Amino acid sequence: MDSSYKDGWKPTPIDVTHPQDVDTASIRLFHEPAWHLRMTIEGDCSYLRVKIVRAAPLSEPDRYICFLDANDELICMVDDFHELPAAYQDIIREELARRYLTSRIERVHSIRSEYGVSYWDVATDRGRREFVVKNVGEDARWLDEKRVLILDVDGNRFEVADLGALDKRSRGLVEMVL
């Protein structure tokens, strides 16, 4: 018997069942306090902490938006967040922008590779950055023939919006590792 509970009492876990199908008209989003996103599904329940993520961040960034609870369990998914009122669309855009912050690479100062790991020194729209990519074959994704998204070892996202728009030296360095 566990001695941390008197008289052999043990807490009973609460099973949480989230709604499977949610009418977008019943969704209410708000911040309370200002740094916590909350969600109410009218006629069902409220969630004190909600995370918003993309189900298909690369192929369908504006579709299939998932709402997760504090335990990262799926509450519901909205096929197209444009179906929601404009005020909620703004909240969703802000949350997604915060979660999927992407720096655009404007110039490459250097890239060196050692044992499959590449070390990047770049100028971005957010200033100069140095980052490490463990496996370029897996962590660089071509979004089209001139646009590539690179994920570093910390999960940060860097994008070359147009490989052809980079200066010749930068383009050559990127092409050498990709």
N, C-alpha and C. Protein backbone atom coordinates (compact mmCIF):
# COMPACT_ATOMS: atom_id res chain seq x y z
N MET A 1 0.84 -1.18 0.00
CA MET A 1 0.00 0.00 0.00
C MET A 1 0.88 1.24 0.00
N ASP A 2 0.48 2.25 -0.76
CA ASP A 2 1.22 3.49 -0.85
C ASP A 2 1.02 4.29 0.44
N SER A 3 2.12 4.54 1.16
CA SER A 3 2.02 5.21 2.45
C SER A 3 1.80 6.72 2.33
N SER A 4 1.85 7.28 1.12
CA SER A 4 1.67 8.72 0.97
C SER A 4 0.20 9.13 1.07
N TYR A 5 -0.74 8.17 1.07
CA TYR A 5 -2.16 8.47 1.18
C TYR A 5 -2.72 7.81 2.43
N LYS A 6 -3.50 8.55 3.19
CA LYS A 6 -4.11 8.00 4.40
C LYS A 6 -5.19 7.00 4.06
N ASP A 7 -5.29 5.98 4.84
CA ASP A 7 -6.35 4.97 4.72
C ASP A 7 -6.41 4.31 3.35
N GLY A 8 -5.28 4.30 2.62
CA GLY A 8 -5.24 3.62 1.33
C GLY A 8 -5.94 4.35 0.19
N TRP A 9 -6.38 5.60 0.42
CA TRP A 9 -7.06 6.37 -0.62
C TRP A 9 -6.08 6.75 -1.72
N LYS A 10 -6.51 6.64 -2.94
CA LYS A 10 -5.70 7.05 -4.09
C LYS A 10 -6.55 7.92 -4.99
N PRO A 11 -5.94 8.93 -5.61
CA PRO A 11 -6.73 9.77 -6.53
C PRO A 11 -7.15 8.98 -7.76
N THR A 12 -8.28 9.31 -8.26
CA THR A 12 -8.80 8.68 -9.46
C THR A 12 -8.57 9.62 -10.63
N PRO A 13 -7.89 9.18 -11.66
CA PRO A 13 -7.69 10.08 -12.80
C PRO A 13 -9.02 10.40 -13.47
N ILE A 14 -9.12 11.61 -13.94
CA ILE A 14 -10.34 12.05 -14.63
C ILE A 14 -10.12 11.85 -16.12
N ASP A 15 -11.00 11.11 -16.73
CA ASP A 15 -10.96 10.94 -18.19
C ASP A 15 -11.58 12.16 -18.83
N VAL A 16 -10.84 12.75 -19.74
CA VAL A 16 -11.34 13.92 -20.45
C VAL A 16 -11.69 13.49 -21.86
N THR A 17 -12.92 13.73 -22.22
CA THR A 17 -13.36 13.43 -23.57
C THR A 17 -13.67 14.74 -24.27
N HIS A 18 -12.97 14.98 -25.34
CA HIS A 18 -13.19 16.21 -26.09
C HIS A 18 -14.23 15.96 -27.18
N PRO A 19 -14.93 16.99 -27.56
CA PRO A 19 -15.91 16.83 -28.64
C PRO A 19 -15.22 16.47 -29.94
N GLN A 20 -15.82 15.62 -30.72
CA GLN A 20 -15.22 15.22 -31.99
C GLN A 20 -15.56 16.22 -33.10
N ASP A 21 -16.82 16.54 -33.22
CA ASP A 21 -17.25 17.48 -34.25
C ASP A 21 -17.75 18.74 -33.57
N VAL A 22 -17.17 19.85 -33.96
CA VAL A 22 -17.54 21.13 -33.37
C VAL A 22 -17.99 22.07 -34.47
N ASP A 23 -19.16 22.65 -34.27
CA ASP A 23 -19.66 23.66 -35.20
C ASP A 23 -18.84 24.93 -34.98
N THR A 24 -18.24 25.47 -36.03
CA THR A 24 -17.39 26.65 -35.88
C THR A 24 -18.15 27.83 -35.27
N ALA A 25 -19.47 27.87 -35.43
CA ALA A 25 -20.26 28.96 -34.85
C ALA A 25 -20.30 28.89 -33.33
N SER A 26 -19.98 27.73 -32.74
CA SER A 26 -20.04 27.59 -31.29
C SER A 26 -18.70 27.87 -30.60
N ILE A 27 -17.66 28.15 -31.38
CA ILE A 27 -16.33 28.40 -30.82
C ILE A 27 -16.20 29.86 -30.40
N ARG A 28 -15.68 30.06 -29.19
CA ARG A 28 -15.37 31.39 -28.67
C ARG A 28 -13.92 31.38 -28.21
N LEU A 29 -13.11 32.31 -28.69
CA LEU A 29 -11.69 32.42 -28.30
C LEU A 29 -11.47 33.75 -27.60
N PHE A 30 -10.67 33.74 -26.53
CA PHE A 30 -10.35 34.98 -25.83
C PHE A 30 -9.10 34.77 -24.97
N HIS A 31 -8.46 35.87 -24.63
CA HIS A 31 -7.29 35.84 -23.76
C HIS A 31 -7.72 36.29 -22.37
N GLU A 32 -7.44 35.47 -21.36
CA GLU A 32 -7.74 35.82 -19.99
C GLU A 32 -6.88 34.97 -19.07
N PRO A 33 -5.88 35.49 -18.43
CA PRO A 33 -5.29 36.81 -18.60
C PRO A 33 -4.70 36.97 -20.00
N ALA A 34 -4.12 38.09 -20.24
CA ALA A 34 -3.68 38.46 -21.60
C ALA A 34 -2.72 37.46 -22.22
N TRP A 35 -2.01 36.69 -21.42
CA TRP A 35 -1.01 35.75 -21.96
C TRP A 35 -1.54 34.32 -22.06
N HIS A 36 -2.79 34.05 -21.72
CA HIS A 36 -3.37 32.71 -21.83
C HIS A 36 -4.54 32.73 -22.81
N LEU A 37 -4.46 31.88 -23.79
CA LEU A 37 -5.58 31.73 -24.72
C LEU A 37 -6.56 30.74 -24.12
N ARG A 38 -7.82 31.13 -24.12
CA ARG A 38 -8.89 30.27 -23.63
C ARG A 38 -9.90 30.04 -24.74
N MET A 39 -10.67 28.98 -24.58
CA MET A 39 -11.64 28.62 -25.61
C MET A 39 -12.90 28.08 -24.94
N THR A 40 -14.03 28.52 -25.42
CA THR A 40 -15.31 27.97 -24.98
C THR A 40 -16.03 27.43 -26.20
N ILE A 41 -16.55 26.25 -26.05
CA ILE A 41 -17.42 25.68 -27.08
C ILE A 41 -18.81 25.74 -26.48
N GLU A 42 -19.62 26.65 -27.00
CA GLU A 42 -20.95 26.87 -26.44
C GLU A 42 -21.73 25.56 -26.38
N GLY A 43 -22.37 25.36 -25.23
CA GLY A 43 -23.17 24.16 -25.04
C GLY A 43 -22.36 22.94 -24.67
N ASP A 44 -21.04 23.10 -24.55
CA ASP A 44 -20.21 21.94 -24.21
C ASP A 44 -19.34 22.24 -23.01
N CYS A 45 -18.21 22.91 -23.22
CA CYS A 45 -17.29 23.18 -22.11
C CYS A 45 -16.33 24.31 -22.47
N SER A 46 -15.53 24.67 -21.47
CA SER A 46 -14.51 25.70 -21.65
C SER A 46 -13.14 25.10 -21.34
N TYR A 47 -12.13 25.66 -21.97
CA TYR A 47 -10.76 25.22 -21.78
C TYR A 47 -9.94 26.42 -21.33
N LEU A 48 -9.23 26.24 -20.20
CA LEU A 48 -8.50 27.34 -19.60
C LEU A 48 -7.18 27.64 -20.30
N ARG A 49 -6.62 26.66 -20.95
CA ARG A 49 -5.37 26.86 -21.71
C ARG A 49 -5.51 26.12 -23.03
N VAL A 50 -5.31 26.86 -24.09
CA VAL A 50 -5.47 26.30 -25.43
C VAL A 50 -4.24 26.66 -26.26
N LYS A 51 -3.78 25.70 -27.04
CA LYS A 51 -2.71 25.93 -28.00
C LYS A 51 -3.30 25.75 -29.39
N ILE A 52 -2.81 26.55 -30.32
CA ILE A 52 -3.26 26.44 -31.70
C ILE A 52 -2.07 26.01 -32.54
N VAL A 53 -2.25 24.93 -33.31
CA VAL A 53 -1.18 24.42 -34.16
C VAL A 53 -1.75 24.08 -35.53
N ARG A 54 -0.84 23.98 -36.49
CA ARG A 54 -1.23 23.58 -37.84
C ARG A 54 -1.06 22.07 -37.98
N ALA A 55 -2.06 21.41 -38.57
CA ALA A 55 -1.95 19.98 -38.83
C ALA A 55 -1.03 19.73 -40.02
N ALA A 56 -1.02 20.64 -40.99
CA ALA A 56 -0.19 20.52 -42.19
C ALA A 56 0.52 21.85 -42.42
N PRO A 57 1.54 22.15 -41.59
CA PRO A 57 2.15 23.49 -41.64
C PRO A 57 2.82 23.86 -42.95
N LEU A 58 3.30 22.90 -43.70
CA LEU A 58 3.99 23.22 -44.94
C LEU A 58 3.05 23.19 -46.14
N SER A 59 2.25 22.16 -46.25
CA SER A 59 1.42 22.00 -47.44
C SER A 59 0.11 22.79 -47.38
N GLU A 60 -0.45 22.97 -46.19
CA GLU A 60 -1.74 23.68 -46.03
C GLU A 60 -1.68 24.59 -44.81
N PRO A 61 -0.86 25.66 -44.85
CA PRO A 61 -0.68 26.47 -43.64
C PRO A 61 -1.94 27.20 -43.17
N ASP A 62 -2.90 27.46 -44.04
CA ASP A 62 -4.11 28.17 -43.63
C ASP A 62 -5.31 27.26 -43.45
N ARG A 63 -5.09 25.96 -43.55
CA ARG A 63 -6.19 25.01 -43.37
C ARG A 63 -5.82 24.03 -42.27
N TYR A 64 -6.79 23.31 -41.79
CA TYR A 64 -6.59 22.26 -40.79
C TYR A 64 -5.87 22.79 -39.54
N ILE A 65 -6.55 23.72 -38.87
CA ILE A 65 -6.03 24.33 -37.66
C ILE A 65 -6.54 23.54 -36.46
N CYS A 66 -5.60 23.09 -35.62
CA CYS A 66 -5.95 22.25 -34.47
C CYS A 66 -5.92 23.07 -33.18
N PHE A 67 -6.88 22.80 -32.32
CA PHE A 67 -6.94 23.40 -31.00
C PHE A 67 -6.60 22.29 -30.00
N LEU A 68 -5.55 22.51 -29.20
CA LEU A 68 -5.08 21.52 -28.24
C LEU A 68 -5.32 22.01 -26.81
N ASP A 69 -5.57 21.08 -25.89
CA ASP A 69 -5.73 21.46 -24.49
C ASP A 69 -4.37 21.57 -23.82
N ALA A 70 -4.36 21.79 -22.51
CA ALA A 70 -3.10 21.97 -21.77
C ALA A 70 -2.22 20.73 -21.80
N ASN A 71 -2.80 19.56 -22.08
CA ASN A 71 -2.03 18.31 -22.17
C ASN A 71 -1.68 17.95 -23.61
N ASP A 72 -1.83 18.89 -24.52
CA ASP A 72 -1.59 18.69 -25.95
C ASP A 72 -2.50 17.65 -26.57
N GLU A 73 -3.68 17.47 -25.98
CA GLU A 73 -4.70 16.58 -26.55
C GLU A 73 -5.57 17.39 -27.49
N LEU A 74 -5.96 16.80 -28.60
CA LEU A 74 -6.78 17.49 -29.58
C LEU A 74 -8.17 17.75 -29.04
N ILE A 75 -8.57 19.02 -29.06
CA ILE A 75 -9.94 19.39 -28.71
C ILE A 75 -10.80 19.28 -29.96
N CYS A 76 -10.34 19.98 -31.00
CA CYS A 76 -11.05 19.93 -32.28
C CYS A 76 -10.13 20.49 -33.37
N MET A 77 -10.56 20.31 -34.60
CA MET A 77 -9.82 20.84 -35.74
C MET A 77 -10.80 21.60 -36.63
N VAL A 78 -10.36 22.73 -37.12
CA VAL A 78 -11.16 23.54 -38.03
C VAL A 78 -10.52 23.43 -39.41
N ASP A 79 -11.31 23.01 -40.39
CA ASP A 79 -10.78 22.83 -41.75
C ASP A 79 -10.28 24.15 -42.34
N ASP A 80 -11.01 25.22 -42.11
CA ASP A 80 -10.64 26.53 -42.66
C ASP A 80 -10.97 27.58 -41.62
N PHE A 81 -9.95 28.20 -41.02
CA PHE A 81 -10.22 29.15 -39.95
C PHE A 81 -10.88 30.43 -40.45
N HIS A 82 -10.97 30.60 -41.76
CA HIS A 82 -11.67 31.76 -42.31
C HIS A 82 -13.17 31.65 -42.10
N GLU A 83 -13.65 30.48 -41.68
CA GLU A 83 -15.07 30.29 -41.36
C GLU A 83 -15.42 30.95 -40.03
N LEU A 84 -14.42 31.25 -39.22
CA LEU A 84 -14.64 31.88 -37.92
C LEU A 84 -14.77 33.39 -38.06
N PRO A 85 -15.37 34.07 -37.09
CA PRO A 85 -15.46 35.54 -37.13
C PRO A 85 -14.08 36.18 -37.22
N ALA A 86 -14.01 37.36 -37.80
CA ALA A 86 -12.75 38.06 -38.04
C ALA A 86 -11.92 38.23 -36.77
N ALA A 87 -12.55 38.53 -35.65
CA ALA A 87 -11.80 38.72 -34.39
C ALA A 87 -11.08 37.43 -34.00
N TYR A 88 -11.69 36.29 -34.20
CA TYR A 88 -11.06 35.01 -33.87
C TYR A 88 -9.97 34.67 -34.88
N GLN A 89 -10.17 35.07 -36.14
CA GLN A 89 -9.13 34.85 -37.15
C GLN A 89 -7.86 35.61 -36.75
N ASP A 90 -8.02 36.83 -36.24
CA ASP A 90 -6.87 37.62 -35.80
C ASP A 90 -6.13 36.93 -34.65
N ILE A 91 -6.90 36.38 -33.70
CA ILE A 91 -6.29 35.66 -32.58
C ILE A 91 -5.52 34.45 -33.10
N ILE A 92 -6.11 33.72 -34.01
CA ILE A 92 -5.45 32.53 -34.57
C ILE A 92 -4.18 32.92 -35.30
N ARG A 93 -4.23 33.97 -36.12
CA ARG A 93 -3.02 34.43 -36.83
C ARG A 93 -1.91 34.80 -35.86
N GLU A 94 -2.25 35.52 -34.78
CA GLU A 94 -1.25 35.92 -33.79
C GLU A 94 -0.62 34.70 -33.12
N GLU A 95 -1.46 33.75 -32.73
CA GLU A 95 -0.95 32.54 -32.07
C GLU A 95 -0.06 31.73 -33.01
N LEU A 96 -0.48 31.59 -34.26
CA LEU A 96 0.32 30.82 -35.22
C LEU A 96 1.62 31.54 -35.55
N ALA A 97 1.58 32.86 -35.67
CA ALA A 97 2.79 33.63 -35.95
C ALA A 97 3.79 33.46 -34.80
N ARG A 98 3.30 33.43 -33.58
CA ARG A 98 4.17 33.25 -32.42
C ARG A 98 4.76 31.85 -32.41
N ARG A 99 3.96 30.85 -32.73
CA ARG A 99 4.41 29.45 -32.69
C ARG A 99 5.31 29.11 -33.86
N TYR A 100 5.02 29.64 -35.05
CA TYR A 100 5.76 29.27 -36.25
C TYR A 100 6.60 30.44 -36.76
N LEU A 101 7.32 31.07 -35.86
CA LEU A 101 8.19 32.19 -36.21
C LEU A 101 9.26 31.70 -37.19
N THR A 102 9.34 32.34 -38.34
CA THR A 102 10.30 31.96 -39.37
C THR A 102 11.16 33.16 -39.75
N SER A 103 12.46 32.98 -39.72
CA SER A 103 13.38 34.03 -40.15
C SER A 103 13.71 33.80 -41.62
N ARG A 104 13.71 34.88 -42.40
CA ARG A 104 14.04 34.78 -43.83
C ARG A 104 15.53 35.05 -44.02
N ILE A 105 16.18 34.12 -44.66
CA ILE A 105 17.61 34.26 -44.94
C ILE A 105 17.78 35.19 -46.14
N GLU A 106 18.55 36.26 -45.92
CA GLU A 106 18.79 37.25 -46.98
C GLU A 106 20.20 37.16 -47.55
N ARG A 107 21.13 36.61 -46.77
CA ARG A 107 22.52 36.48 -47.20
C ARG A 107 23.17 35.38 -46.37
N VAL A 108 24.05 34.63 -46.99
CA VAL A 108 24.77 33.57 -46.28
C VAL A 108 26.22 34.00 -46.16
N HIS A 109 26.69 34.12 -44.93
CA HIS A 109 28.09 34.49 -44.69
C HIS A 109 28.98 33.27 -44.82
N SER A 110 28.53 32.15 -44.23
CA SER A 110 29.31 30.92 -44.35
C SER A 110 28.45 29.72 -43.98
N ILE A 111 28.83 28.58 -44.55
CA ILE A 111 28.26 27.29 -44.17
C ILE A 111 29.42 26.32 -44.14
N ARG A 112 29.57 25.63 -43.03
CA ARG A 112 30.61 24.59 -42.98
C ARG A 112 29.95 23.30 -42.52
N SER A 113 30.40 22.22 -43.11
CA SER A 113 29.84 20.91 -42.79
C SER A 113 30.90 20.00 -42.18
N GLU A 114 30.50 19.28 -41.15
CA GLU A 114 31.37 18.30 -40.50
C GLU A 114 30.53 17.09 -40.13
N TYR A 115 30.86 15.93 -40.68
CA TYR A 115 30.19 14.67 -40.34
C TYR A 115 28.67 14.75 -40.48
N GLY A 116 28.20 15.39 -41.53
CA GLY A 116 26.76 15.47 -41.80
C GLY A 116 26.05 16.60 -41.09
N VAL A 117 26.74 17.31 -40.23
CA VAL A 117 26.15 18.44 -39.51
C VAL A 117 26.64 19.72 -40.18
N SER A 118 25.73 20.66 -40.44
CA SER A 118 26.15 21.91 -41.07
C SER A 118 25.95 23.08 -40.12
N TYR A 119 26.91 23.99 -40.16
CA TYR A 119 26.93 25.16 -39.29
C TYR A 119 26.75 26.39 -40.18
N TRP A 120 25.67 27.11 -39.96
CA TRP A 120 25.28 28.22 -40.80
C TRP A 120 25.51 29.55 -40.09
N ASP A 121 26.01 30.53 -40.83
CA ASP A 121 26.14 31.91 -40.36
C ASP A 121 25.46 32.75 -41.44
N VAL A 122 24.31 33.35 -41.09
CA VAL A 122 23.49 34.02 -42.09
C VAL A 122 23.00 35.38 -41.61
N ALA A 123 22.60 36.21 -42.56
CA ALA A 123 21.89 37.46 -42.27
C ALA A 123 20.42 37.19 -42.59
N THR A 124 19.55 37.51 -41.63
CA THR A 124 18.11 37.29 -41.83
C THR A 124 17.37 38.61 -41.68
N ASP A 125 16.07 38.54 -41.89
CA ASP A 125 15.23 39.72 -41.68
C ASP A 125 15.14 40.07 -40.20
N ARG A 126 15.67 39.23 -39.32
CA ARG A 126 15.69 39.48 -37.88
C ARG A 126 17.12 39.68 -37.36
N GLY A 127 18.06 39.91 -38.27
CA GLY A 127 19.44 40.12 -37.87
C GLY A 127 20.31 38.90 -38.17
N ARG A 128 21.57 39.02 -37.79
CA ARG A 128 22.53 37.94 -38.05
C ARG A 128 22.25 36.77 -37.12
N ARG A 129 22.31 35.56 -37.67
CA ARG A 129 22.04 34.35 -36.89
C ARG A 129 23.06 33.28 -37.23
N GLU A 130 23.41 32.50 -36.24
CA GLU A 130 24.22 31.30 -36.43
C GLU A 130 23.37 30.15 -35.93
N PHE A 131 23.31 29.08 -36.72
CA PHE A 131 22.51 27.93 -36.32
C PHE A 131 23.12 26.65 -36.86
N VAL A 132 22.67 25.53 -36.31
CA VAL A 132 23.20 24.22 -36.65
C VAL A 132 22.07 23.36 -37.21
N VAL A 133 22.35 22.67 -38.31
CA VAL A 133 21.39 21.74 -38.91
C VAL A 133 22.02 20.36 -38.84
N LYS A 134 21.35 19.45 -38.15
CA LYS A 134 21.90 18.12 -37.92
C LYS A 134 21.98 17.30 -39.19
N ASN A 135 20.92 17.29 -39.99
CA ASN A 135 20.88 16.50 -41.21
C ASN A 135 20.11 17.28 -42.26
N VAL A 136 20.82 17.92 -43.16
CA VAL A 136 20.18 18.77 -44.17
C VAL A 136 19.20 17.97 -45.03
N GLY A 137 19.51 16.70 -45.28
CA GLY A 137 18.62 15.87 -46.09
C GLY A 137 17.24 15.72 -45.48
N GLU A 138 17.16 15.73 -44.15
CA GLU A 138 15.88 15.58 -43.46
C GLU A 138 15.33 16.91 -42.98
N ASP A 139 16.20 17.87 -42.65
CA ASP A 139 15.76 19.11 -42.02
C ASP A 139 15.64 20.30 -42.96
N ALA A 140 15.86 20.08 -44.24
CA ALA A 140 15.62 21.12 -45.25
C ALA A 140 14.53 20.60 -46.17
N ARG A 141 13.48 21.38 -46.32
CA ARG A 141 12.34 20.96 -47.15
C ARG A 141 12.11 21.97 -48.25
N TRP A 142 12.17 21.49 -49.48
CA TRP A 142 11.88 22.36 -50.61
C TRP A 142 10.37 22.55 -50.68
N LEU A 143 9.92 23.79 -50.64
CA LEU A 143 8.50 24.10 -50.71
C LEU A 143 8.05 24.29 -52.15
N ASP A 144 8.96 24.69 -53.00
CA ASP A 144 8.79 24.71 -54.45
C ASP A 144 10.19 24.76 -55.05
N GLU A 145 10.32 25.01 -56.35
CA GLU A 145 11.64 24.90 -56.98
C GLU A 145 12.66 25.96 -56.55
N LYS A 146 12.21 27.05 -55.89
CA LYS A 146 13.16 28.08 -55.48
C LYS A 146 13.06 28.45 -54.00
N ARG A 147 12.16 27.83 -53.27
CA ARG A 147 11.91 28.17 -51.87
C ARG A 147 12.18 26.95 -50.98
N VAL A 148 13.00 27.18 -49.93
CA VAL A 148 13.36 26.07 -49.03
C VAL A 148 13.19 26.51 -47.58
N LEU A 149 12.70 25.59 -46.75
CA LEU A 149 12.53 25.81 -45.33
C LEU A 149 13.54 24.92 -44.60
N ILE A 150 14.29 25.51 -43.66
CA ILE A 150 15.35 24.80 -42.94
C ILE A 150 15.02 24.83 -41.45
N LEU A 151 15.07 23.67 -40.81
CA LEU A 151 14.84 23.57 -39.37
C LEU A 151 16.16 23.29 -38.68
N ASP A 152 16.50 24.10 -37.67
CA ASP A 152 17.76 23.87 -36.97
C ASP A 152 17.55 22.88 -35.82
N VAL A 153 18.62 22.55 -35.10
CA VAL A 153 18.55 21.54 -34.04
C VAL A 153 17.65 21.96 -32.89
N ASP A 154 17.37 23.25 -32.75
CA ASP A 154 16.50 23.75 -31.69
C ASP A 154 15.05 23.92 -32.14
N GLY A 155 14.76 23.56 -33.40
CA GLY A 155 13.40 23.70 -33.91
C GLY A 155 13.09 25.06 -34.50
N ASN A 156 14.09 25.93 -34.60
CA ASN A 156 13.89 27.24 -35.22
C ASN A 156 13.76 27.06 -36.73
N ARG A 157 12.99 27.93 -37.34
CA ARG A 157 12.70 27.82 -38.77
C ARG A 157 13.37 28.97 -39.52
N PHE A 158 14.07 28.62 -40.60
CA PHE A 158 14.71 29.59 -41.47
C PHE A 158 14.25 29.31 -42.89
N GLU A 159 13.99 30.36 -43.64
CA GLU A 159 13.48 30.19 -45.00
C GLU A 159 14.31 30.97 -46.00
N VAL A 160 14.62 30.32 -47.10
CA VAL A 160 15.14 31.00 -48.27
C VAL A 160 13.93 31.14 -49.18
N ALA A 161 13.39 32.35 -49.26
CA ALA A 161 12.14 32.57 -50.00
C ALA A 161 12.33 32.41 -51.50
N ASP A 162 13.50 32.83 -51.99
CA ASP A 162 13.78 32.72 -53.42
C ASP A 162 15.28 32.53 -53.58
N LEU A 163 15.69 31.30 -53.83
CA LEU A 163 17.12 30.99 -53.97
C LEU A 163 17.77 31.86 -55.04
N GLY A 164 17.07 32.12 -56.12
CA GLY A 164 17.60 32.94 -57.21
C GLY A 164 17.80 34.40 -56.84
N ALA A 165 17.13 34.87 -55.79
CA ALA A 165 17.26 36.27 -55.37
C ALA A 165 18.47 36.50 -54.47
N LEU A 166 19.07 35.42 -53.97
CA LEU A 166 20.28 35.58 -53.16
C LEU A 166 21.45 36.00 -54.04
N ASP A 167 22.45 36.66 -53.43
CA ASP A 167 23.65 37.01 -54.19
C ASP A 167 24.35 35.71 -54.61
N LYS A 168 25.23 35.82 -55.60
CA LYS A 168 25.85 34.64 -56.21
C LYS A 168 26.60 33.78 -55.19
N ARG A 169 27.35 34.39 -54.30
CA ARG A 169 28.12 33.65 -53.29
C ARG A 169 27.19 32.90 -52.34
N SER A 170 26.15 33.59 -51.85
CA SER A 170 25.19 32.97 -50.94
C SER A 170 24.48 31.79 -51.61
N ARG A 171 24.06 32.01 -52.84
CA ARG A 171 23.37 30.95 -53.59
C ARG A 171 24.28 29.74 -53.76
N GLY A 172 25.55 29.98 -54.07
CA GLY A 172 26.51 28.88 -54.24
C GLY A 172 26.72 28.09 -52.95
N LEU A 173 26.79 28.78 -51.81
CA LEU A 173 26.95 28.10 -50.53
C LEU A 173 25.74 27.23 -50.20
N VAL A 174 24.54 27.76 -50.43
CA VAL A 174 23.32 27.00 -50.15
C VAL A 174 23.23 25.78 -51.07
N GLU A 175 23.49 25.99 -52.36
CA GLU A 175 23.41 24.89 -53.32
C GLU A 175 24.43 23.79 -53.00
N MET A 176 25.57 24.17 -52.41
CA MET A 176 26.60 23.21 -52.09
C MET A 176 26.13 22.22 -51.01
N VAL A 177 25.31 22.67 -50.05
CA VAL A 177 24.88 21.78 -48.96
C VAL A 177 23.51 21.17 -49.20
N LEU A 178 22.72 21.79 -50.05
CA LEU A 178 21.38 21.24 -50.32
C LEU A 178 21.43 20.44 -51.58
